[in-house]
Full PDB file with SEQRES, HELIX, SHEET, SSBOND, CRYST1, ORIGX, SCALE, CONECT and MASTER records, all heavy atoms in Angstrom:
SEQRES   1 A   35  ILE LYS SER GLY THR LEU ARG PRO VAL ALA VAL THR SER          
SEQRES   2 A   35  ALA VAL ARG SER GLY ASN PHE PRO ASN ILE PRO SER ILE          
SEQRES   3 A   35  ALA GLU SER GLY PHE LYS GLU PHE ASP                          
HELIX    1 AA1 ALA A   27  SER A   29  5                                   3    
CRYST1    1.000    1.000    1.000  90.00  90.00  90.00 P 1           1          
ORIGX1      1.000000  0.000000  0.000000        0.00000                         
ORIGX2      0.000000  1.000000  0.000000        0.00000                         
ORIGX3      0.000000  0.000000  1.000000        0.00000                         
SCALE1      1.000000  0.000000  0.000000        0.00000                         
SCALE2      0.000000  1.000000  0.000000        0.00000                         
SCALE3      0.000000  0.000000  1.000000        0.00000                         
ATOM      1  N   ILE A   1     -42.430-131.157 -54.101  1.00  0.00           N  
ATOM      2  CA  ILE A   1     -42.254-132.273 -55.032  1.00  0.00           C  
ATOM      3  C   ILE A   1     -41.322-133.321 -54.423  1.00  0.00           C  
ATOM      4  O   ILE A   1     -41.589-134.527 -54.469  1.00  0.00           O  
ATOM      5  CB  ILE A   1     -41.699-131.766 -56.382  1.00  0.00           C  
ATOM      6  CG1 ILE A   1     -42.780-130.964 -57.130  1.00  0.00           C  
ATOM      7  CG2 ILE A   1     -41.215-132.929 -57.244  1.00  0.00           C  
ATOM      8  CD1 ILE A   1     -42.275-130.292 -58.397  1.00  0.00           C  
ATOM      9  N   LYS A   2     -40.229-132.855 -53.841  1.00  0.00           N  
ATOM     10  CA  LYS A   2     -39.256-133.779 -53.249  1.00  0.00           C  
ATOM     11  C   LYS A   2     -39.836-134.536 -52.057  1.00  0.00           C  
ATOM     12  O   LYS A   2     -39.507-135.706 -51.830  1.00  0.00           O  
ATOM     13  CB  LYS A   2     -38.002-133.004 -52.845  1.00  0.00           C  
ATOM     14  CG  LYS A   2     -37.191-132.488 -54.027  1.00  0.00           C  
ATOM     15  CD  LYS A   2     -36.031-131.612 -53.570  1.00  0.00           C  
ATOM     16  CE  LYS A   2     -35.253-131.066 -54.760  1.00  0.00           C  
ATOM     17  NZ  LYS A   2     -34.158-130.145 -54.343  1.00  0.00           N  
ATOM     18  N   SER A   3     -40.714-133.848 -51.307  1.00  0.00           N  
ATOM     19  CA  SER A   3     -41.302-134.499 -50.125  1.00  0.00           C  
ATOM     20  C   SER A   3     -42.505-135.365 -50.469  1.00  0.00           C  
ATOM     21  O   SER A   3     -42.986-136.138 -49.632  1.00  0.00           O  
ATOM     22  CB  SER A   3     -41.719-133.433 -49.107  1.00  0.00           C  
ATOM     23  OG  SER A   3     -42.817-132.659 -49.598  1.00  0.00           O  
ATOM     24  N   GLY A   4     -43.025-135.233 -51.692  1.00  0.00           N  
ATOM     25  CA  GLY A   4     -44.159-136.038 -52.110  1.00  0.00           C  
ATOM     26  C   GLY A   4     -45.510-135.452 -51.774  1.00  0.00           C  
ATOM     27  O   GLY A   4     -46.543-136.104 -51.979  1.00  0.00           O  
ATOM     28  N   THR A   5     -45.549-134.206 -51.266  1.00  0.00           N  
ATOM     29  CA  THR A   5     -46.842-133.595 -50.944  1.00  0.00           C  
ATOM     30  C   THR A   5     -47.527-133.032 -52.181  1.00  0.00           C  
ATOM     31  O   THR A   5     -48.724-132.742 -52.151  1.00  0.00           O  
ATOM     32  CB  THR A   5     -46.664-132.477 -49.891  1.00  0.00           C  
ATOM     33  OG1 THR A   5     -45.688-131.536 -50.346  1.00  0.00           O  
ATOM     34  CG2 THR A   5     -46.215-133.051 -48.565  1.00  0.00           C  
ATOM     35  N   LEU A   6     -46.787-132.872 -53.266  1.00  0.00           N  
ATOM     36  CA  LEU A   6     -47.354-132.525 -54.567  1.00  0.00           C  
ATOM     37  C   LEU A   6     -46.734-133.439 -55.616  1.00  0.00           C  
ATOM     38  O   LEU A   6     -45.578-133.846 -55.490  1.00  0.00           O  
ATOM     39  CB  LEU A   6     -47.070-131.063 -54.935  1.00  0.00           C  
ATOM     40  CG  LEU A   6     -47.886-129.976 -54.233  1.00  0.00           C  
ATOM     41  CD1 LEU A   6     -47.378-128.601 -54.643  1.00  0.00           C  
ATOM     42  CD2 LEU A   6     -49.369-130.104 -54.544  1.00  0.00           C  
ATOM     43  N   ARG A   7     -47.512-133.748 -56.641  1.00  0.00           N  
ATOM     44  CA  ARG A   7     -46.986-134.595 -57.715  1.00  0.00           C  
ATOM     45  C   ARG A   7     -46.872-133.791 -59.005  1.00  0.00           C  
ATOM     46  O   ARG A   7     -47.849-133.206 -59.462  1.00  0.00           O  
ATOM     47  CB  ARG A   7     -47.902-135.805 -57.926  1.00  0.00           C  
ATOM     48  CG  ARG A   7     -47.426-136.726 -59.048  1.00  0.00           C  
ATOM     49  CD  ARG A   7     -47.987-138.134 -58.915  1.00  0.00           C  
ATOM     50  NE  ARG A   7     -49.423-138.161 -58.712  1.00  0.00           N  
ATOM     51  CZ  ARG A   7     -50.325-137.997 -59.694  1.00  0.00           C  
ATOM     52  NH1 ARG A   7     -49.928-137.759 -60.924  1.00  0.00           N  
ATOM     53  NH2 ARG A   7     -51.610-138.045 -59.411  1.00  0.00           N  
ATOM     54  N   PRO A   8     -45.686-133.754 -59.594  1.00  0.00           N  
ATOM     55  CA  PRO A   8     -45.525-133.027 -60.861  1.00  0.00           C  
ATOM     56  C   PRO A   8     -46.054-133.843 -62.030  1.00  0.00           C  
ATOM     57  O   PRO A   8     -45.865-135.069 -62.081  1.00  0.00           O  
ATOM     58  CB  PRO A   8     -44.008-132.850 -60.956  1.00  0.00           C  
ATOM     59  CG  PRO A   8     -43.459-134.060 -60.263  1.00  0.00           C  
ATOM     60  CD  PRO A   8     -44.426-134.350 -59.126  1.00  0.00           C  
ATOM     61  N   VAL A   9     -46.720-133.166 -62.946  1.00  0.00           N  
ATOM     62  CA  VAL A   9     -47.221-133.840 -64.151  1.00  0.00           C  
ATOM     63  C   VAL A   9     -46.286-133.587 -65.328  1.00  0.00           C  
ATOM     64  O   VAL A   9     -45.898-134.505 -66.047  1.00  0.00           O  
ATOM     65  CB  VAL A   9     -48.646-133.359 -64.493  1.00  0.00           C  
ATOM     66  CG1 VAL A   9     -49.142-134.009 -65.798  1.00  0.00           C  
ATOM     67  CG2 VAL A   9     -49.607-133.672 -63.350  1.00  0.00           C  
ATOM     68  N   ALA A  10     -45.891-132.323 -65.508  1.00  0.00           N  
ATOM     69  CA  ALA A  10     -44.993-131.992 -66.617  1.00  0.00           C  
ATOM     70  C   ALA A  10     -44.456-130.579 -66.442  1.00  0.00           C  
ATOM     71  O   ALA A  10     -45.106-129.723 -65.836  1.00  0.00           O  
ATOM     72  CB  ALA A  10     -45.710-132.105 -67.960  1.00  0.00           C  
ATOM     73  N   VAL A  11     -43.254-130.347 -66.971  1.00  0.00           N  
ATOM     74  CA  VAL A  11     -42.695-128.995 -67.010  1.00  0.00           C  
ATOM     75  C   VAL A  11     -43.113-128.326 -68.312  1.00  0.00           C  
ATOM     76  O   VAL A  11     -43.449-129.002 -69.299  1.00  0.00           O  
ATOM     77  CB  VAL A  11     -41.160-128.999 -66.877  1.00  0.00           C  
ATOM     78  CG1 VAL A  11     -40.738-129.451 -65.498  1.00  0.00           C  
ATOM     79  CG2 VAL A  11     -40.501-129.853 -67.954  1.00  0.00           C  
ATOM     80  N   THR A  12     -43.085-126.994 -68.315  1.00  0.00           N  
ATOM     81  CA  THR A  12     -43.583-126.243 -69.470  1.00  0.00           C  
ATOM     82  C   THR A  12     -42.496-125.908 -70.481  1.00  0.00           C  
ATOM     83  O   THR A  12     -42.793-125.392 -71.558  1.00  0.00           O  
ATOM     84  CB  THR A  12     -44.236-124.925 -69.008  1.00  0.00           C  
ATOM     85  OG1 THR A  12     -43.239-124.119 -68.344  1.00  0.00           O  
ATOM     86  CG2 THR A  12     -45.385-125.193 -68.052  1.00  0.00           C  
ATOM     87  N   SER A  13     -41.231-126.182 -70.151  1.00  0.00           N  
ATOM     88  CA  SER A  13     -40.144-125.923 -71.095  1.00  0.00           C  
ATOM     89  C   SER A  13     -40.138-126.994 -72.187  1.00  0.00           C  
ATOM     90  O   SER A  13     -40.710-128.073 -72.028  1.00  0.00           O  
ATOM     91  CB  SER A  13     -38.803-125.922 -70.357  1.00  0.00           C  
ATOM     92  OG  SER A  13     -38.674-127.054 -69.525  1.00  0.00           O  
ATOM     93  N   ALA A  14     -39.473-126.694 -73.296  1.00  0.00           N  
ATOM     94  CA  ALA A  14     -39.464-127.630 -74.427  1.00  0.00           C  
ATOM     95  C   ALA A  14     -38.791-128.945 -74.073  1.00  0.00           C  
ATOM     96  O   ALA A  14     -39.167-130.008 -74.581  1.00  0.00           O  
ATOM     97  CB  ALA A  14     -38.767-126.989 -75.623  1.00  0.00           C  
ATOM     98  N   VAL A  15     -37.790-128.869 -73.212  1.00  0.00           N  
ATOM     99  CA  VAL A  15     -37.086-130.082 -72.785  1.00  0.00           C  
ATOM    100  C   VAL A  15     -37.149-130.182 -71.260  1.00  0.00           C  
ATOM    101  O   VAL A  15     -37.496-129.219 -70.578  1.00  0.00           O  
ATOM    102  CB  VAL A  15     -35.606-130.062 -73.244  1.00  0.00           C  
ATOM    103  CG1 VAL A  15     -35.536-130.072 -74.757  1.00  0.00           C  
ATOM    104  CG2 VAL A  15     -34.875-128.845 -72.682  1.00  0.00           C  
ATOM    105  N   ARG A  16     -36.805-131.313 -70.744  1.00  0.00           N  
ATOM    106  CA  ARG A  16     -36.838-131.517 -69.298  1.00  0.00           C  
ATOM    107  C   ARG A  16     -35.838-130.613 -68.579  1.00  0.00           C  
ATOM    108  O   ARG A  16     -34.805-130.243 -69.143  1.00  0.00           O  
ATOM    109  CB  ARG A  16     -36.532-132.978 -68.965  1.00  0.00           C  
ATOM    110  CG  ARG A  16     -37.527-133.961 -69.568  1.00  0.00           C  
ATOM    111  CD  ARG A  16     -37.300-135.367 -69.050  1.00  0.00           C  
ATOM    112  NE  ARG A  16     -38.217-136.325 -69.672  1.00  0.00           N  
ATOM    113  CZ  ARG A  16     -38.552-137.500 -69.152  1.00  0.00           C  
ATOM    114  NH1 ARG A  16     -38.030-137.871 -67.983  1.00  0.00           N  
ATOM    115  NH2 ARG A  16     -39.386-138.287 -69.780  1.00  0.00           N  
ATOM    116  N   SER A  17     -36.152-130.282 -67.363  1.00  0.00           N  
ATOM    117  CA  SER A  17     -35.240-129.502 -66.539  1.00  0.00           C  
ATOM    118  C   SER A  17     -34.068-130.374 -66.117  1.00  0.00           C  
ATOM    119  O   SER A  17     -34.248-131.514 -65.680  1.00  0.00           O  
ATOM    120  CB  SER A  17     -35.963-128.979 -65.296  1.00  0.00           C  
ATOM    121  OG  SER A  17     -35.033-128.470 -64.348  1.00  0.00           O  
ATOM    122  N   GLY A  18     -32.850-129.836 -66.242  1.00  0.00           N  
ATOM    123  CA  GLY A  18     -31.680-130.584 -65.820  1.00  0.00           C  
ATOM    124  C   GLY A  18     -31.667-130.831 -64.325  1.00  0.00           C  
ATOM    125  O   GLY A  18     -30.991-131.742 -63.846  1.00  0.00           O  
ATOM    126  N   ASN A  19     -32.445-130.024 -63.590  1.00  0.00           N  
ATOM    127  CA  ASN A  19     -32.484-130.168 -62.145  1.00  0.00           C  
ATOM    128  C   ASN A  19     -33.543-131.169 -61.686  1.00  0.00           C  
ATOM    129  O   ASN A  19     -33.486-131.662 -60.564  1.00  0.00           O  
ATOM    130  CB  ASN A  19     -32.749-128.803 -61.506  1.00  0.00           C  
ATOM    131  CG  ASN A  19     -31.714-127.775 -61.916  1.00  0.00           C  
ATOM    132  OD1 ASN A  19     -30.529-127.972 -61.715  1.00  0.00           O  
ATOM    133  ND2 ASN A  19     -32.153-126.691 -62.524  1.00  0.00           N  
ATOM    134  N   PHE A  20     -34.531-131.444 -62.560  1.00  0.00           N  
ATOM    135  CA  PHE A  20     -35.579-132.425 -62.260  1.00  0.00           C  
ATOM    136  C   PHE A  20     -35.779-133.295 -63.513  1.00  0.00           C  
ATOM    137  O   PHE A  20     -36.823-133.228 -64.166  1.00  0.00           O  
ATOM    138  CB  PHE A  20     -36.890-131.719 -61.883  1.00  0.00           C  
ATOM    139  CG  PHE A  20     -36.863-131.074 -60.529  1.00  0.00           C  
ATOM    140  CD1 PHE A  20     -36.362-129.797 -60.371  1.00  0.00           C  
ATOM    141  CD2 PHE A  20     -37.334-131.741 -59.401  1.00  0.00           C  
ATOM    142  CE1 PHE A  20     -36.325-129.184 -59.128  1.00  0.00           C  
ATOM    143  CE2 PHE A  20     -37.307-131.144 -58.151  1.00  0.00           C  
ATOM    144  CZ  PHE A  20     -36.794-129.861 -58.010  1.00  0.00           C  
ATOM    145  N   PRO A  21     -34.787-134.083 -63.866  1.00  0.00           N  
ATOM    146  CA  PRO A  21     -34.826-134.831 -65.131  1.00  0.00           C  
ATOM    147  C   PRO A  21     -35.919-135.895 -65.206  1.00  0.00           C  
ATOM    148  O   PRO A  21     -36.213-136.391 -66.307  1.00  0.00           O  
ATOM    149  CB  PRO A  21     -33.434-135.474 -65.200  1.00  0.00           C  
ATOM    150  CG  PRO A  21     -32.991-135.571 -63.771  1.00  0.00           C  
ATOM    151  CD  PRO A  21     -33.550-134.341 -63.113  1.00  0.00           C  
ATOM    152  N   ASN A  22     -36.526-136.243 -64.092  1.00  0.00           N  
ATOM    153  CA  ASN A  22     -37.568-137.273 -64.119  1.00  0.00           C  
ATOM    154  C   ASN A  22     -38.945-136.719 -64.476  1.00  0.00           C  
ATOM    155  O   ASN A  22     -39.891-137.493 -64.669  1.00  0.00           O  
ATOM    156  CB  ASN A  22     -37.643-137.985 -62.766  1.00  0.00           C  
ATOM    157  CG  ASN A  22     -36.390-138.804 -62.469  1.00  0.00           C  
ATOM    158  OD1 ASN A  22     -35.762-139.324 -63.395  1.00  0.00           O  
ATOM    159  ND2 ASN A  22     -36.023-138.898 -61.207  1.00  0.00           N  
ATOM    160  N   ILE A  23     -39.074-135.401 -64.540  1.00  0.00           N  
ATOM    161  CA  ILE A  23     -40.372-134.805 -64.880  1.00  0.00           C  
ATOM    162  C   ILE A  23     -40.424-134.588 -66.382  1.00  0.00           C  
ATOM    163  O   ILE A  23     -39.603-133.849 -66.942  1.00  0.00           O  
ATOM    164  CB  ILE A  23     -40.573-133.453 -64.162  1.00  0.00           C  
ATOM    165  CG1 ILE A  23     -40.386-133.605 -62.646  1.00  0.00           C  
ATOM    166  CG2 ILE A  23     -41.966-132.902 -64.469  1.00  0.00           C  
ATOM    167  CD1 ILE A  23     -40.483-132.291 -61.882  1.00  0.00           C  
ATOM    168  N   PRO A  24     -41.361-135.199 -67.092  1.00  0.00           N  
ATOM    169  CA  PRO A  24     -41.457-135.006 -68.548  1.00  0.00           C  
ATOM    170  C   PRO A  24     -41.887-133.586 -68.890  1.00  0.00           C  
ATOM    171  O   PRO A  24     -42.382-132.850 -68.038  1.00  0.00           O  
ATOM    172  CB  PRO A  24     -42.518-136.026 -68.970  1.00  0.00           C  
ATOM    173  CG  PRO A  24     -43.354-136.207 -67.744  1.00  0.00           C  
ATOM    174  CD  PRO A  24     -42.418-136.081 -66.577  1.00  0.00           C  
ATOM    175  N   SER A  25     -41.684-133.213 -70.141  1.00  0.00           N  
ATOM    176  CA  SER A  25     -42.144-131.904 -70.602  1.00  0.00           C  
ATOM    177  C   SER A  25     -43.478-132.057 -71.337  1.00  0.00           C  
ATOM    178  O   SER A  25     -43.804-133.142 -71.835  1.00  0.00           O  
ATOM    179  CB  SER A  25     -41.116-131.274 -71.545  1.00  0.00           C  
ATOM    180  OG  SER A  25     -41.050-131.998 -72.766  1.00  0.00           O  
ATOM    181  N   ILE A  26     -44.240-130.973 -71.374  1.00  0.00           N  
ATOM    182  CA  ILE A  26     -45.499-130.985 -72.135  1.00  0.00           C  
ATOM    183  C   ILE A  26     -45.192-131.240 -73.604  1.00  0.00           C  
ATOM    184  O   ILE A  26     -45.917-131.965 -74.292  1.00  0.00           O  
ATOM    185  CB  ILE A  26     -46.258-129.656 -71.945  1.00  0.00           C  
ATOM    186  CG1 ILE A  26     -46.732-129.526 -70.494  1.00  0.00           C  
ATOM    187  CG2 ILE A  26     -47.446-129.564 -72.903  1.00  0.00           C  
ATOM    188  CD1 ILE A  26     -47.418-128.208 -70.186  1.00  0.00           C  
ATOM    189  N   ALA A  27     -44.083-130.675 -74.093  1.00  0.00           N  
ATOM    190  CA  ALA A  27     -43.721-130.824 -75.511  1.00  0.00           C  
ATOM    191  C   ALA A  27     -43.493-132.288 -75.883  1.00  0.00           C  
ATOM    192  O   ALA A  27     -43.962-132.757 -76.931  1.00  0.00           O  
ATOM    193  CB  ALA A  27     -42.472-129.998 -75.805  1.00  0.00           C  
ATOM    194  N   GLU A  28     -42.782-133.022 -75.049  1.00  0.00           N  
ATOM    195  CA  GLU A  28     -42.494-134.424 -75.365  1.00  0.00           C  
ATOM    196  C   GLU A  28     -43.711-135.310 -75.159  1.00  0.00           C  
ATOM    197  O   GLU A  28     -43.724-136.471 -75.576  1.00  0.00           O  
ATOM    198  CB  GLU A  28     -41.339-134.942 -74.497  1.00  0.00           C  
ATOM    199  CG  GLU A  28     -41.704-135.202 -73.054  1.00  0.00           C  
ATOM    200  CD  GLU A  28     -40.548-135.732 -72.233  1.00  0.00           C  
ATOM    201  OE1 GLU A  28     -39.606-134.971 -71.973  1.00  0.00           O  
ATOM    202  OE2 GLU A  28     -40.591-136.906 -71.853  1.00  0.00           O  
ATOM    203  N   SER A  29     -44.751-134.739 -74.535  1.00  0.00           N  
ATOM    204  CA  SER A  29     -45.970-135.509 -74.261  1.00  0.00           C  
ATOM    205  C   SER A  29     -47.009-135.356 -75.366  1.00  0.00           C  
ATOM    206  O   SER A  29     -48.170-135.703 -75.177  1.00  0.00           O  
ATOM    207  CB  SER A  29     -46.562-135.070 -72.923  1.00  0.00           C  
ATOM    208  OG  SER A  29     -45.621-135.224 -71.881  1.00  0.00           O  
ATOM    209  N   GLY A  30     -46.588-134.827 -76.503  1.00  0.00           N  
ATOM    210  CA  GLY A  30     -47.489-134.751 -77.654  1.00  0.00           C  
ATOM    211  C   GLY A  30     -47.794-133.351 -78.160  1.00  0.00           C  
ATOM    212  O   GLY A  30     -48.503-133.201 -79.156  1.00  0.00           O  
ATOM    213  N   PHE A  31     -47.256-132.311 -77.488  1.00  0.00           N  
ATOM    214  CA  PHE A  31     -47.529-130.935 -77.899  1.00  0.00           C  
ATOM    215  C   PHE A  31     -46.199-130.230 -78.165  1.00  0.00           C  
ATOM    216  O   PHE A  31     -45.691-129.458 -77.350  1.00  0.00           O  
ATOM    217  CB  PHE A  31     -48.357-130.225 -76.827  1.00  0.00           C  
ATOM    218  CG  PHE A  31     -49.647-130.933 -76.516  1.00  0.00           C  
ATOM    219  CD1 PHE A  31     -49.730-131.837 -75.462  1.00  0.00           C  
ATOM    220  CD2 PHE A  31     -50.770-130.753 -77.319  1.00  0.00           C  
ATOM    221  CE1 PHE A  31     -50.903-132.522 -75.194  1.00  0.00           C  
ATOM    222  CE2 PHE A  31     -51.951-131.434 -77.062  1.00  0.00           C  
ATOM    223  CZ  PHE A  31     -52.013-132.321 -75.998  1.00  0.00           C  
ATOM    224  N   LYS A  32     -45.627-130.551 -79.335  1.00  0.00           N  
ATOM    225  CA  LYS A  32     -44.251-130.193 -79.664  1.00  0.00           C  
ATOM    226  C   LYS A  32     -43.960-128.701 -79.616  1.00  0.00           C  
ATOM    227  O   LYS A  32     -42.825-128.295 -79.375  1.00  0.00           O  
ATOM    228  CB  LYS A  32     -43.894-130.750 -81.052  1.00  0.00           C  
ATOM    229  CG  LYS A  32     -43.925-132.267 -81.121  1.00  0.00           C  
ATOM    230  CD  LYS A  32     -43.555-132.759 -82.510  1.00  0.00           C  
ATOM    231  CE  LYS A  32     -43.593-134.290 -82.580  1.00  0.00           C  
ATOM    232  NZ  LYS A  32     -43.249-134.791 -83.939  1.00  0.00           N  
ATOM    233  N   GLU A  33     -44.970-127.864 -79.882  1.00  0.00           N  
ATOM    234  CA  GLU A  33     -44.741-126.426 -79.940  1.00  0.00           C  
ATOM    235  C   GLU A  33     -44.816-125.770 -78.565  1.00  0.00           C  
ATOM    236  O   GLU A  33     -44.545-124.576 -78.439  1.00  0.00           O  
ATOM    237  CB  GLU A  33     -45.768-125.771 -80.882  1.00  0.00           C  
ATOM    238  CG  GLU A  33     -45.756-126.324 -82.306  1.00  0.00           C  
ATOM    239  CD  GLU A  33     -44.402-126.157 -82.970  1.00  0.00           C  
ATOM    240  OE1 GLU A  33     -43.809-125.077 -82.818  1.00  0.00           O  
ATOM    241  OE2 GLU A  33     -43.937-127.110 -83.630  1.00  0.00           O  
ATOM    242  N   PHE A  34     -45.181-126.524 -77.552  1.00  0.00           N  
ATOM    243  CA  PHE A  34     -45.358-125.926 -76.221  1.00  0.00           C  
ATOM    244  C   PHE A  34     -43.989-125.705 -75.591  1.00  0.00           C  
ATOM    245  O   PHE A  34     -43.235-126.640 -75.336  1.00  0.00           O  
ATOM    246  CB  PHE A  34     -46.198-126.841 -75.329  1.00  0.00           C  
ATOM    247  CG  PHE A  34     -46.931-126.109 -74.237  1.00  0.00           C  
ATOM    248  CD1 PHE A  34     -48.301-125.862 -74.342  1.00  0.00           C  
ATOM    249  CD2 PHE A  34     -46.268-125.633 -73.111  1.00  0.00           C  
ATOM    250  CE1 PHE A  34     -48.989-125.181 -73.349  1.00  0.00           C  
ATOM    251  CE2 PHE A  34     -46.933-124.945 -72.111  1.00  0.00           C  
ATOM    252  CZ  PHE A  34     -48.304-124.715 -72.230  1.00  0.00           C  
ATOM    253  N   ASP A  35     -43.665-124.447 -75.320  1.00  0.00           N  
ATOM    254  CA  ASP A  35     -42.358-124.126 -74.747  1.00  0.00           C  
ATOM    255  C   ASP A  35     -42.438-122.804 -74.001  1.00  0.00           C  
ATOM    256  O   ASP A  35     -42.441-121.739 -74.607  1.00  0.00           O  
ATOM    257  CB  ASP A  35     -41.304-124.038 -75.853  1.00  0.00           C  
ATOM    258  CG  ASP A  35     -39.915-123.721 -75.310  1.00  0.00           C  
ATOM    259  OD1 ASP A  35     -39.719-123.849 -74.095  1.00  0.00           O  
ATOM    260  OD2 ASP A  35     -39.043-123.333 -76.121  1.00  0.00           O  
TER     261      ASP A  35                                                      
MASTER        0    0    0    1    0    0    0    6  260    1    0    3          
END                                                                             
């Protein structure tokens, strides 16, 4: 992800990862119960 060879779409946790704050979560993208 850091090198750009893969692109992240979303993390599966309810909130964003503190270590990768620029990656949105599936929950905030319209699926609130996904965690």
